[in-house]
């Protein structure tokens, strides 16, 4: 997933959610609907979240300096995690609170047609943003299924927006059902119940986002295929007796840090070690453009019983 593609999706979601939030707040004031108020808060939180993601992308693109020698790539992971917290604390928390409050003290919905018009428009805007996020995600996921692709993804910006928009579409459906049931049956707490359900949807979305971004924030390795390719490259050189260890770390969506421990053949000279290390470094970077830094250690192994360990 390209940075430009990610930003395009986020800008589309930002514009759509800002317009939808204003419309929903207006409708909630006119009609007094709890579900519509929850949806308005949801859209407002999503608007702020997209702003934070854009800020994270901008910060992550800063070049490395003395204070941060490996760059600022993890900024996008941090802000994605903050987005998950905001969805949970603001979106889910306020929606559940408002829903319970309206279930305890239900109020009749005024001018329900306003709600239907707003929900219809919101469905169109959210649907367009969701489709753009889905297409961008599909371009980057390759052969993997959706759930596996999310687990493997190292750039959270697109799947965060996709999750948000999916939750928004589901929330709109719940709000519509709640308002219809309140109007048709006359049971006013259906509207409040819809607000609670929207809050639970947001809480579930926030939890999933937090789980997926936590690993990246702490320090996740590159995908297993990348590690295997690096190990195969190192093992292919005749001067290498054994590849002791390959450690990788994503310093950002476009930056993989590699550390390799190699056991060279006993007859190798210092000059040959230096030359081999330089060749391995160049080949790894040439085969994978995400690999920015490679550190190679020359370490022998000791044999204890049937187990071989690095010295």
Foldseek 3Di string as FASTA:
>chain_A
DDPVLLLVLLVLLLVLLVVLLVLLVVQCVQWVFLLSPLLSQLSVLSNVLSVLLVVLSVQQPDAADPVRNQGSQLSNLVSLLVSLVSLQVRNLVVLQVSLVVCLVVPDGTPPCVSVVVSLVSSLVSLVVSLVSLVVVLVVPQPPDDPVVSLLQAQRCSSVSSNLSSVLSNVLSVLQVVLNVCCVPVVNRSSSSVSSNVSSVSSNVSSVVSNVSSVCLNVWHFHDPVLQVVLLVLLVVDPQFPHWQDWTWTDSHNQAIEIETETEGDPPDDPVRVVVSVVVSVVVSCVVGVSYDYYHYHHWHWDDDPPDIHTD
